[in-house]
Structures are given as C-alpha cells and as structure tokens.
C-alpha cells in the first residue's frame, strides 16, 4: 500500500523539518526583529 508508505514518509519528513526549526529557533538564530 503505497498510500500509507507515502503518508508515513511525509510525516517523518515534516517532523524532521519541524524539529530542525525548533532547534534553530531555540538557539536564537531566527530572531529577525
């Protein structure tokens, strides 16, 4: 079932990006103001 495989891959991909953003934001690298 490629539908489930694609869905899980999308979740993993988004999770990695979200964790990366939170990590960078936590370090204060995204303070543009």
Protein backbone atom coordinates (compact mmCIF):
# COMPACT_ATOMS: atom_id res chain seq x y z
CA UNK A 1 0.00 0.00 0.00
CA UNK A 2 1.95 2.99 -1.27
CA UNK A 3 -0.63 5.38 0.19
CA UNK A 4 0.36 4.55 3.75
CA UNK A 5 4.05 4.50 2.90
CA UNK A 6 3.86 7.96 1.33
CA UNK A 7 1.85 9.27 4.29
CA UNK A 8 4.38 7.97 6.82
CA UNK A 9 7.29 9.33 4.80
CA UNK A 10 5.60 12.74 4.66
CA UNK A 11 5.07 12.71 8.43
CA UNK A 12 8.71 11.79 9.06
CA UNK A 13 9.91 14.49 6.64
CA UNK A 14 7.73 17.18 8.25
CA UNK A 15 8.77 16.05 11.73
CA UNK A 16 12.47 16.36 10.88
CA UNK A 17 11.93 19.86 9.46
CA UNK A 18 9.85 20.87 12.49
CA UNK A 19 12.49 19.60 14.94
CA UNK A 20 15.19 21.43 13.00
CA UNK A 21 13.22 24.67 13.03
CA UNK A 22 12.54 24.41 16.77
CA UNK A 23 16.23 23.68 17.39
CA UNK A 24 17.42 26.67 15.36
CA UNK A 25 14.71 28.92 16.83
CA UNK A 26 15.67 27.77 20.33
CA UNK A 27 19.26 28.82 19.69
CA UNK A 28 18.01 32.30 18.78
CA UNK A 29 19.14 32.15 15.15
CA UNK A 30 15.72 33.20 13.87
CA UNK A 31 15.41 36.46 15.79
CA UNK A 32 14.99 38.86 12.89
CA UNK A 33 13.44 41.73 14.82
